[in-house]
Amino acid sequence: MKQYASPMPTQTDVKLKFKPLSKKVVSATLQFSLSCIFLRE
C-alpha cells in the first residue's frame, strides 16, 4: 500500500492478474481505482 500513498489526495488505477485454478477459467483480472486520503488528528 505504501507505493500508492502520498501526502496529497490521489486516485490510482490498479489492475491485478490472477492465475486460474480451474481448466474452465482461461484468465481472471481485477481492475479498480484506489483512492488514498490521509487524515491527521
Protein backbone atom coordinates (compact mmCIF):
# COMPACT_ATOMS: atom_id res chain seq x y z
CA MET A 1 0.00 0.00 0.00
CA LYS A 2 2.87 2.41 0.64
CA GLN A 3 3.61 2.62 -3.10
CA TYR A 4 0.20 4.29 -3.58
CA ALA A 5 0.43 6.62 -0.57
CA SER A 6 1.21 10.32 -0.93
CA PRO A 7 0.62 13.47 1.14
CA MET A 8 -1.90 14.79 -1.43
CA PRO A 9 -5.23 13.04 -2.18
CA THR A 10 -4.66 10.80 -5.20
CA GLN A 11 -6.53 8.26 -7.27
CA THR A 12 -4.66 5.37 -8.92
CA ASP A 13 -5.88 2.74 -11.37
CA VAL A 14 -4.81 -0.78 -10.40
CA LYS A 15 -5.08 -3.95 -12.50
CA LEU A 16 -4.36 -7.33 -10.92
CA LYS A 17 -3.94 -10.55 -12.91
CA PHE A 18 -4.83 -13.83 -11.21
CA LYS A 19 -3.70 -17.34 -12.03
CA PRO A 20 -6.72 -19.53 -12.85
CA LEU A 21 -7.07 -22.62 -10.67
CA SER A 22 -9.58 -24.36 -12.93
CA LYS A 23 -9.33 -25.61 -16.52
CA LYS A 24 -12.67 -23.95 -17.26
CA VAL A 25 -11.33 -20.48 -16.40
CA VAL A 26 -8.91 -19.13 -19.00
CA SER A 27 -7.92 -15.87 -17.28
CA ALA A 28 -9.02 -13.65 -14.42
CA THR A 29 -8.30 -9.97 -13.83
CA LEU A 30 -9.47 -7.39 -11.32
CA GLN A 31 -9.39 -3.72 -12.27
CA PHE A 32 -10.22 -0.98 -9.79
CA SER A 33 -9.46 2.59 -8.81
CA LEU A 34 -7.70 3.14 -5.48
CA SER A 35 -8.23 6.44 -3.68
CA CYS A 36 -5.98 7.50 -0.82
CA ILE A 37 -6.53 10.36 1.63
CA PHE A 38 -4.52 10.82 4.82
CA LEU A 39 -6.39 12.10 7.87
CA ARG A 40 -4.37 13.77 10.60
CA GLU A 41 -5.66 14.25 14.10
